[in-house]
Amino acid sequence: MRAKLAGYLRELGGEPTAVVCGGTALLVVSHYQGAIPYFRVAFGDAYDKHPAAGALGHFWWFGCSVLLFLVMPLVVSVAFKGSFHRRYGLGLGDARAALPLCLLFLAVMLPTTFVASKLDAFKGLYPLAGQAAFTLHPAEGPERLSVPLFLAYEAAYLAYFVAWEFFFRGWMLNALLPRFGRAGALLMPMVPFALMHLGKAELEALGSIVAGLALGVLALRTRSFWYGFVLHGVIAVWMDVLSSWEYLTKA
């Protein structure tokens, strides 16, 4: 019995276990300490009077995501002697193969999301911070629309997607690939990726299953997570712009 148990434990060792267990722990921490409700409880009173108070929780969320999904995975990789410098998709990889795929995807998805933005199921969902993403509430005087606030919000949102894509399609995918092959490296990160979409529109949550696999294939083919970031980030910002355009043109 002891010998069998020791065998199981030996098989659990190595980088894949560190990534799966460490990654799961980081997702849990993100859900609690990296979330907007935590910011409101811990710091809300100190920032209630800030002109951009409605958006600060989202800045906290985006910043914590960069720490937890980008910085910490690299720290874990160094601690466990991972090979992020050559296997985690930090380089540009095969740009010649990636650029046509990205252009084709955007040519399909940009008009598709334009149509989707008009559906009742998507109205009011974007930006995630709502009108707080572009509205300031000064202590004195009326509220006003702010393009600089919106640009800062979108920059933080893009940084969030850099971390998001690295976590799933850079760190997890490449760490699992040697042990579990392409199928395992694609399927295992897809599950938490899709679950992270719970709370969004049902069509978007279901679509994240296909999107997670497609972005994983793109990362494998190009040996880089950056192209997935471009696709994910551009579509997300595009949805925000479509939803906010009516207001931003009045700023």
C-alpha atoms as a PDB file:
ATOM      1  CA  MET A   1       0.000   0.000   0.000  1.00  0.00           C
ATOM      2  CA  ARG A   2       2.757   2.416   0.971  1.00  0.00           C
ATOM      3  CA  ALA A   3       4.658   1.576  -2.222  1.00  0.00           C
ATOM      4  CA  LYS A   4       1.564   2.235  -4.357  1.00  0.00           C
ATOM      5  CA  LEU A   5       0.919   5.523  -2.577  1.00  0.00           C
ATOM      6  CA  ALA A   6       4.534   6.552  -3.067  1.00  0.00           C
ATOM      7  CA  GLY A   7       4.181   5.757  -6.760  1.00  0.00           C
ATOM      8  CA  TYR A   8       1.113   7.967  -7.058  1.00  0.00           C
ATOM      9  CA  LEU A   9       2.868  10.796  -5.254  1.00  0.00           C
ATOM     10  CA  ARG A  10       5.918  10.516  -7.500  1.00  0.00           C
ATOM     11  CA  GLU A  11       3.676  10.795 -10.557  1.00  0.00           C
ATOM     12  CA  LEU A  12       2.125  13.943  -9.095  1.00  0.00           C
ATOM     13  CA  GLY A  13       5.458  15.705  -8.939  1.00  0.00           C
ATOM     14  CA  GLY A  14       6.906  18.153 -11.397  1.00  0.00           C
ATOM     15  CA  GLU A  15       5.867  21.229 -13.267  1.00  0.00           C
ATOM     16  CA  PRO A  16       2.367  20.114 -14.381  1.00  0.00           C
ATOM     17  CA  THR A  17       1.307  19.547 -10.768  1.00  0.00           C
ATOM     18  CA  ALA A  18       2.792  22.872  -9.681  1.00  0.00           C
ATOM     19  CA  VAL A  19       0.931  24.641 -12.476  1.00  0.00           C
ATOM     20  CA  VAL A  20      -2.437  22.921 -11.934  1.00  0.00           C
ATOM     21  CA  CYS A  21      -2.398  23.252  -8.135  1.00  0.00           C
ATOM     22  CA  GLY A  22      -0.760  26.661  -8.124  1.00  0.00           C
ATOM     23  CA  GLY A  23      -3.022  27.905 -10.900  1.00  0.00           C
ATOM     24  CA  THR A  24      -6.122  26.686  -9.071  1.00  0.00           C
ATOM     25  CA  ALA A  25      -4.978  28.458  -5.909  1.00  0.00           C
ATOM     26  CA  LEU A  26      -4.411  31.681  -7.851  1.00  0.00           C
ATOM     27  CA  LEU A  27      -7.912  31.466  -9.336  1.00  0.00           C
ATOM     28  CA  VAL A  28      -9.362  31.019  -5.839  1.00  0.00           C
ATOM     29  CA  VAL A  29      -7.415  34.009  -4.490  1.00  0.00           C
ATOM     30  CA  SER A  30      -8.571  36.053  -7.478  1.00  0.00           C
ATOM     31  CA  HIS A  31     -12.185  35.145  -6.741  1.00  0.00           C
ATOM     32  CA  TYR A  32     -11.899  36.408  -3.173  1.00  0.00           C
ATOM     33  CA  GLN A  33      -9.148  39.004  -2.649  1.00  0.00           C
ATOM     34  CA  GLY A  34      -8.809  40.000  -6.305  1.00  0.00           C
ATOM     35  CA  ALA A  35     -12.477  40.759  -6.843  1.00  0.00           C
ATOM     36  CA  ILE A  36     -14.471  43.987  -6.807  1.00  0.00           C
ATOM     37  CA  PRO A  37     -16.524  43.102  -3.673  1.00  0.00           C
ATOM     38  CA  TYR A  38     -13.297  42.690  -1.682  1.00  0.00           C
ATOM     39  CA  PHE A  39     -12.106  46.135  -2.776  1.00  0.00           C
ATOM     40  CA  ARG A  40     -15.399  47.695  -1.716  1.00  0.00           C
ATOM     41  CA  VAL A  41     -15.272  46.095   1.721  1.00  0.00           C
ATOM     42  CA  ALA A  42     -11.562  46.711   2.326  1.00  0.00           C
ATOM     43  CA  PHE A  43     -11.100  50.133   0.752  1.00  0.00           C
ATOM     44  CA  GLY A  44     -14.510  51.452  -0.258  1.00  0.00           C
ATOM     45  CA  ASP A  45     -14.887  53.946   2.593  1.00  0.00           C
ATOM     46  CA  ALA A  46     -11.538  55.560   1.772  1.00  0.00           C
ATOM     47  CA  TYR A  47     -12.454  56.134  -1.863  1.00  0.00           C
ATOM     48  CA  ASP A  48     -16.188  56.816  -1.760  1.00  0.00           C
ATOM     49  CA  LYS A  49     -15.607  60.503  -2.497  1.00  0.00           C
ATOM     50  CA  HIS A  50     -13.189  59.905  -5.371  1.00  0.00           C
ATOM     51  CA  PRO A  51     -14.574  61.235  -8.687  1.00  0.00           C
ATOM     52  CA  ALA A  52     -13.972  57.847 -10.321  1.00  0.00           C
ATOM     53  CA  ALA A  53     -15.167  55.785  -7.342  1.00  0.00           C
ATOM     54  CA  GLY A  54     -17.458  53.680  -9.513  1.00  0.00           C
ATOM     55  CA  ALA A  55     -14.551  52.417 -11.621  1.00  0.00           C
ATOM     56  CA  LEU A  56     -11.900  51.945  -8.928  1.00  0.00           C
ATOM     57  CA  GLY A  57     -13.072  48.444  -8.042  1.00  0.00           C
ATOM     58  CA  HIS A  58     -12.506  47.408 -11.649  1.00  0.00           C
ATOM     59  CA  PHE A  59      -9.022  48.914 -11.647  1.00  0.00           C
ATOM     60  CA  TRP A  60      -8.352  46.818  -8.526  1.00  0.00           C
ATOM     61  CA  TRP A  61      -9.663  43.703 -10.266  1.00  0.00           C
ATOM     62  CA  PHE A  62      -7.572  44.302 -13.389  1.00  0.00           C
ATOM     63  CA  GLY A  63      -4.441  45.075 -11.359  1.00  0.00           C
ATOM     64  CA  CYS A  64      -4.823  42.002  -9.142  1.00  0.00           C
ATOM     65  CA  SER A  65      -5.308  39.882 -12.253  1.00  0.00           C
ATOM     66  CA  VAL A  66      -1.977  41.086 -13.646  1.00  0.00           C
ATOM     67  CA  LEU A  67      -0.331  40.192 -10.332  1.00  0.00           C
ATOM     68  CA  LEU A  68      -2.023  36.803  -9.954  1.00  0.00           C
ATOM     69  CA  PHE A  69      -2.192  35.620 -13.574  1.00  0.00           C
ATOM     70  CA  LEU A  70       1.072  37.017 -14.934  1.00  0.00           C
ATOM     71  CA  VAL A  71       3.559  37.930 -12.203  1.00  0.00           C
ATOM     72  CA  MET A  72       2.846  35.057  -9.804  1.00  0.00           C
ATOM     73  CA  PRO A  73       2.929  32.311 -12.482  1.00  0.00           C
ATOM     74  CA  LEU A  74       6.374  33.517 -13.502  1.00  0.00           C
ATOM     75  CA  VAL A  75       7.462  33.463  -9.855  1.00  0.00           C
ATOM     76  CA  VAL A  76       6.093  29.908  -9.475  1.00  0.00           C
ATOM     77  CA  SER A  77       7.872  28.874 -12.673  1.00  0.00           C
ATOM     78  CA  VAL A  78      11.199  30.183 -11.413  1.00  0.00           C
ATOM     79  CA  ALA A  79      10.664  28.568  -8.006  1.00  0.00           C
ATOM     80  CA  PHE A  80       9.944  25.186  -9.614  1.00  0.00           C
ATOM     81  CA  LYS A  81      12.611  25.662 -12.282  1.00  0.00           C
ATOM     82  CA  GLY A  82      10.101  26.027 -15.103  1.00  0.00           C
ATOM     83  CA  SER A  83      11.221  27.098 -18.535  1.00  0.00           C
ATOM     84  CA  PHE A  84       9.114  30.185 -19.148  1.00  0.00           C
ATOM     85  CA  HIS A  85      11.999  31.768 -21.050  1.00  0.00           C
ATOM     86  CA  ARG A  86      11.561  29.327 -23.949  1.00  0.00           C
ATOM     87  CA  ARG A  87       8.304  27.408 -23.586  1.00  0.00           C
ATOM     88  CA  TYR A  88       5.626  29.703 -22.208  1.00  0.00           C
ATOM     89  CA  GLY A  89       4.876  31.584 -25.395  1.00  0.00           C
ATOM     90  CA  LEU A  90       6.414  34.887 -24.322  1.00  0.00           C
ATOM     91  CA  GLY A  91       8.029  35.389 -27.726  1.00  0.00           C
ATOM     92  CA  LEU A  92       6.259  36.326 -30.958  1.00  0.00           C
ATOM     93  CA  GLY A  93       6.508  32.779 -32.295  1.00  0.00           C
ATOM     94  CA  ASP A  94       5.384  32.188 -35.872  1.00  0.00           C
ATOM     95  CA  ALA A  95       4.131  35.650 -36.828  1.00  0.00           C
ATOM     96  CA  ARG A  96       3.834  34.718 -40.491  1.00  0.00           C
ATOM     97  CA  ALA A  97       1.245  32.064 -39.659  1.00  0.00           C
ATOM     98  CA  ALA A  98      -0.464  34.127 -36.956  1.00  0.00           C
ATOM     99  CA  LEU A  99      -1.188  37.381 -38.761  1.00  0.00           C
ATOM    100  CA  PRO A 100      -3.443  35.941 -41.524  1.00  0.00           C
ATOM    101  CA  LEU A 101      -5.346  33.923 -38.911  1.00  0.00           C
ATOM    102  CA  CYS A 102      -5.822  36.996 -36.714  1.00  0.00           C
ATOM    103  CA  LEU A 103      -6.996  39.131 -39.628  1.00  0.00           C
ATOM    104  CA  LEU A 104      -9.448  36.441 -40.740  1.00  0.00           C
ATOM    105  CA  PHE A 105     -10.806  36.032 -37.220  1.00  0.00           C
ATOM    106  CA  LEU A 106     -11.247  39.776 -36.729  1.00  0.00           C
ATOM    107  CA  ALA A 107     -12.879  40.124 -40.148  1.00  0.00           C
ATOM    108  CA  VAL A 108     -15.526  37.667 -38.963  1.00  0.00           C
ATOM    109  CA  MET A 109     -15.831  38.644 -35.303  1.00  0.00           C
ATOM    110  CA  LEU A 110     -15.883  42.449 -35.475  1.00  0.00           C
ATOM    111  CA  PRO A 111     -19.087  42.616 -37.546  1.00  0.00           C
ATOM    112  CA  THR A 112     -20.531  39.667 -35.603  1.00  0.00           C
ATOM    113  CA  THR A 113     -20.014  41.411 -32.274  1.00  0.00           C
ATOM    114  CA  PHE A 114     -21.400  44.611 -33.777  1.00  0.00           C
ATOM    115  CA  VAL A 115     -24.654  42.754 -34.464  1.00  0.00           C
ATOM    116  CA  ALA A 116     -24.516  41.007 -31.068  1.00  0.00           C
ATOM    117  CA  SER A 117     -24.166  44.359 -29.300  1.00  0.00           C
ATOM    118  CA  LYS A 118     -27.660  45.228 -30.514  1.00  0.00           C
ATOM    119  CA  LEU A 119     -29.237  42.146 -28.915  1.00  0.00           C
ATOM    120  CA  ASP A 120     -31.120  42.544 -25.645  1.00  0.00           C
ATOM    121  CA  ALA A 121     -29.010  39.776 -24.065  1.00  0.00           C
ATOM    122  CA  PHE A 122     -25.870  41.895 -24.426  1.00  0.00           C
ATOM    123  CA  LYS A 123     -27.232  45.360 -23.729  1.00  0.00           C
ATOM    124  CA  GLY A 124     -25.994  46.807 -20.458  1.00  0.00           C
ATOM    125  CA  LEU A 125     -23.259  44.181 -20.045  1.00  0.00           C
ATOM    126  CA  TYR A 126     -20.412  46.311 -21.376  1.00  0.00           C
ATOM    127  CA  PRO A 127     -18.292  48.011 -20.251  1.00  0.00           C
ATOM    128  CA  LEU A 128     -18.104  45.775 -17.204  1.00  0.00           C
ATOM    129  CA  ALA A 129     -18.029  48.891 -15.007  1.00  0.00           C
ATOM    130  CA  GLY A 130     -21.086  50.289 -16.771  1.00  0.00           C
ATOM    131  CA  GLN A 131     -21.202  54.050 -17.195  1.00  0.00           C
ATOM    132  CA  ALA A 132     -18.676  54.358 -14.347  1.00  0.00           C
ATOM    133  CA  ALA A 133     -16.025  53.469 -16.951  1.00  0.00           C
ATOM    134  CA  PHE A 134     -16.382  56.935 -18.465  1.00  0.00           C
ATOM    135  CA  THR A 135     -18.227  59.049 -15.884  1.00  0.00           C
ATOM    136  CA  LEU A 136     -16.679  61.223 -13.173  1.00  0.00           C
ATOM    137  CA  HIS A 137     -18.582  62.352 -10.092  1.00  0.00           C
ATOM    138  CA  PRO A 138     -16.789  65.422  -8.684  1.00  0.00           C
ATOM    139  CA  ALA A 139     -17.381  66.343  -5.052  1.00  0.00           C
ATOM    140  CA  GLU A 140     -18.760  69.630  -6.288  1.00  0.00           C
ATOM    141  CA  GLY A 141     -20.673  70.110  -9.492  1.00  0.00           C
ATOM    142  CA  PRO A 142     -22.532  67.735 -11.806  1.00  0.00           C
ATOM    143  CA  GLU A 143     -21.227  64.438 -13.108  1.00  0.00           C
ATOM    144  CA  ARG A 144     -19.376  64.596 -16.408  1.00  0.00           C
ATOM    145  CA  LEU A 145     -18.262  62.229 -19.125  1.00  0.00           C
ATOM    146  CA  SER A 146     -14.510  61.633 -19.327  1.00  0.00           C
ATOM    147  CA  VAL A 147     -12.692  60.224 -22.349  1.00  0.00           C
ATOM    148  CA  PRO A 148      -9.349  60.092 -20.414  1.00  0.00           C
ATOM    149  CA  LEU A 149     -11.009  57.927 -17.748  1.00  0.00           C
ATOM    150  CA  PHE A 150     -12.375  55.632 -20.448  1.00  0.00           C
ATOM    151  CA  LEU A 151      -8.932  55.349 -22.081  1.00  0.00           C
ATOM    152  CA  ALA A 152      -7.293  54.559 -18.728  1.00  0.00           C
ATOM    153  CA  TYR A 153      -9.994  51.978 -18.038  1.00  0.00           C
ATOM    154  CA  GLU A 154      -9.467  50.297 -21.421  1.00  0.00           C
ATOM    155  CA  ALA A 155      -5.669  50.301 -20.969  1.00  0.00           C
ATOM    156  CA  ALA A 156      -6.098  48.500 -17.639  1.00  0.00           C
ATOM    157  CA  TYR A 157      -8.606  46.161 -19.305  1.00  0.00           C
ATOM    158  CA  LEU A 158      -6.048  45.281 -21.996  1.00  0.00           C
ATOM    159  CA  ALA A 159      -3.399  44.603 -19.329  1.00  0.00           C
ATOM    160  CA  TYR A 160      -5.913  42.248 -17.728  1.00  0.00           C
ATOM    161  CA  PHE A 161      -6.188  40.337 -21.006  1.00  0.00           C
ATOM    162  CA  VAL A 162      -2.409  40.056 -21.316  1.00  0.00           C
ATOM    163  CA  ALA A 163      -2.389  38.339 -17.923  1.00  0.00           C
ATOM    164  CA  TRP A 164      -5.502  36.278 -18.724  1.00  0.00           C
ATOM    165  CA  GLU A 165      -4.090  34.922 -22.000  1.00  0.00           C
ATOM    166  CA  PHE A 166      -0.668  34.234 -20.526  1.00  0.00           C
ATOM    167  CA  PHE A 167      -2.221  32.330 -17.637  1.00  0.00           C
ATOM    168  CA  PHE A 168      -4.330  29.980 -19.774  1.00  0.00           C
ATOM    169  CA  ARG A 169      -2.577  29.876 -23.166  1.00  0.00           C
ATOM    170  CA  GLY A 170       0.996  30.607 -22.139  1.00  0.00           C
ATOM    171  CA  TRP A 171       1.672  29.201 -18.700  1.00  0.00           C
ATOM    172  CA  MET A 172      -0.859  26.388 -18.252  1.00  0.00           C
ATOM    173  CA  LEU A 173      -0.962  25.161 -21.838  1.00  0.00           C
ATOM    174  CA  ASN A 174       2.803  24.912 -22.287  1.00  0.00           C
ATOM    175  CA  ALA A 175       3.443  23.433 -18.851  1.00  0.00           C
ATOM    176  CA  LEU A 176       0.891  20.661 -19.473  1.00  0.00           C
ATOM    177  CA  LEU A 177       1.948  19.929 -23.046  1.00  0.00           C
ATOM    178  CA  PRO A 178       4.954  17.625 -22.377  1.00  0.00           C
ATOM    179  CA  ARG A 179       3.044  15.410 -19.915  1.00  0.00           C
ATOM    180  CA  PHE A 180      -0.464  15.376 -21.414  1.00  0.00           C
ATOM    181  CA  GLY A 181       0.082  16.093 -25.089  1.00  0.00           C
ATOM    182  CA  ARG A 182      -1.869  18.513 -27.251  1.00  0.00           C
ATOM    183  CA  ALA A 183      -5.310  17.228 -26.264  1.00  0.00           C
ATOM    184  CA  GLY A 184      -4.683  17.568 -22.539  1.00  0.00           C
ATOM    185  CA  ALA A 185      -2.939  20.910 -22.935  1.00  0.00           C
ATOM    186  CA  LEU A 186      -5.963  22.258 -24.829  1.00  0.00           C
ATOM    187  CA  LEU A 187      -8.778  20.711 -22.802  1.00  0.00           C
ATOM    188  CA  MET A 188      -7.550  21.177 -19.224  1.00  0.00           C
ATOM    189  CA  PRO A 189      -7.139  24.988 -19.301  1.00  0.00           C
ATOM    190  CA  MET A 190     -10.381  25.325 -21.253  1.00  0.00           C
ATOM    191  CA  VAL A 191     -12.481  24.175 -18.270  1.00  0.00           C
ATOM    192  CA  PRO A 192     -11.512  26.928 -15.787  1.00  0.00           C
ATOM    193  CA  PHE A 193     -11.438  29.418 -18.672  1.00  0.00           C
ATOM    194  CA  ALA A 194     -15.080  28.663 -19.491  1.00  0.00           C
ATOM    195  CA  LEU A 195     -16.115  28.652 -15.825  1.00  0.00           C
ATOM    196  CA  MET A 196     -14.635  32.140 -15.452  1.00  0.00           C
ATOM    197  CA  HIS A 197     -17.327  33.303 -17.893  1.00  0.00           C
ATOM    198  CA  LEU A 198     -20.189  32.332 -15.596  1.00  0.00           C
ATOM    199  CA  GLY A 199     -22.253  35.415 -14.885  1.00  0.00           C
ATOM    200  CA  LYS A 200     -21.935  36.706 -18.425  1.00  0.00           C
ATOM    201  CA  ALA A 201     -24.607  36.285 -21.097  1.00  0.00           C
ATOM    202  CA  GLU A 202     -25.380  32.594 -21.619  1.00  0.00           C
ATOM    203  CA  LEU A 203     -24.399  32.703 -25.296  1.00  0.00           C
ATOM    204  CA  GLU A 204     -21.054  34.228 -24.385  1.00  0.00           C
ATOM    205  CA  ALA A 205     -20.461  31.678 -21.608  1.00  0.00           C
ATOM    206  CA  LEU A 206     -21.210  28.772 -23.955  1.00  0.00           C
ATOM    207  CA  GLY A 207     -19.141  30.368 -26.694  1.00  0.00           C
ATOM    208  CA  SER A 208     -16.164  30.538 -24.338  1.00  0.00           C
ATOM    209  CA  ILE A 209     -15.822  26.745 -24.655  1.00  0.00           C
ATOM    210  CA  VAL A 210     -15.206  27.047 -28.389  1.00  0.00           C
ATOM    211  CA  ALA A 211     -13.174  30.222 -27.933  1.00  0.00           C
ATOM    212  CA  GLY A 212     -10.954  28.589 -25.316  1.00  0.00           C
ATOM    213  CA  LEU A 213     -10.160  25.698 -27.638  1.00  0.00           C
ATOM    214  CA  ALA A 214      -9.630  27.977 -30.647  1.00  0.00           C
ATOM    215  CA  LEU A 215      -7.286  30.283 -28.741  1.00  0.00           C
ATOM    216  CA  GLY A 216      -5.418  27.256 -27.445  1.00  0.00           C
ATOM    217  CA  VAL A 217      -4.958  25.897 -30.964  1.00  0.00           C
ATOM    218  CA  LEU A 218      -3.734  29.323 -32.066  1.00  0.00           C
ATOM    219  CA  ALA A 219      -1.214  29.399 -29.208  1.00  0.00           C
ATOM    220  CA  LEU A 220       0.036  25.917 -30.076  1.00  0.00           C
ATOM    221  CA  ARG A 221       0.292  26.691 -33.780  1.00  0.00           C
ATOM    222  CA  THR A 222       2.094  29.994 -33.330  1.00  0.00           C
ATOM    223  CA  ARG A 223       4.043  29.083 -30.166  1.00  0.00           C
ATOM    224  CA  SER A 224       2.888  32.359 -28.603  1.00  0.00           C
ATOM    225  CA  PHE A 225       0.014  33.584 -26.436  1.00  0.00           C
ATOM    226  CA  TRP A 226       0.281  37.143 -27.788  1.00  0.00           C
ATOM    227  CA  TYR A 227      -1.986  36.553 -30.769  1.00  0.00           C
ATOM    228  CA  GLY A 228      -4.718  35.226 -28.526  1.00  0.00           C
ATOM    229  CA  PHE A 229      -4.331  38.393 -26.483  1.00  0.00           C
ATOM    230  CA  VAL A 230      -4.725  40.516 -29.623  1.00  0.00           C
ATOM    231  CA  LEU A 231      -7.931  38.717 -30.585  1.00  0.00           C
ATOM    232  CA  HIS A 232      -9.408  38.589 -27.090  1.00  0.00           C
ATOM    233  CA  GLY A 233      -8.381  42.136 -26.218  1.00  0.00           C
ATOM    234  CA  VAL A 234      -9.511  43.738 -29.474  1.00  0.00           C
ATOM    235  CA  ILE A 235     -12.943  42.095 -29.332  1.00  0.00           C
ATOM    236  CA  ALA A 236     -13.411  43.063 -25.668  1.00  0.00           C
ATOM    237  CA  VAL A 237     -12.440  46.700 -26.229  1.00  0.00           C
ATOM    238  CA  TRP A 238     -14.556  46.773 -29.399  1.00  0.00           C
ATOM    239  CA  MET A 239     -17.597  45.684 -27.383  1.00  0.00           C
ATOM    240  CA  ASP A 240     -16.901  48.427 -24.837  1.00  0.00           C
ATOM    241  CA  VAL A 241     -16.573  51.060 -27.552  1.00  0.00           C
ATOM    242  CA  LEU A 242     -19.785  49.940 -29.249  1.00  0.00           C
ATOM    243  CA  SER A 243     -21.675  50.100 -25.964  1.00  0.00           C
ATOM    244  CA  SER A 244     -20.176  53.454 -24.924  1.00  0.00           C
ATOM    245  CA  TRP A 245     -20.018  55.287 -28.240  1.00  0.00           C
ATOM    246  CA  GLU A 246     -23.327  57.071 -27.814  1.00  0.00           C
ATOM    247  CA  TYR A 247     -22.080  58.590 -24.553  1.00  0.00           C
ATOM    248  CA  LEU A 248     -18.445  59.193 -25.536  1.00  0.00           C
ATOM    249  CA  THR A 249     -19.433  61.323 -28.514  1.00  0.00           C
ATOM    250  CA  LYS A 250     -21.122  63.707 -26.080  1.00  0.00           C
ATOM    251  CA  ALA A 251     -18.028  64.123 -23.894  1.00  0.00           C
END
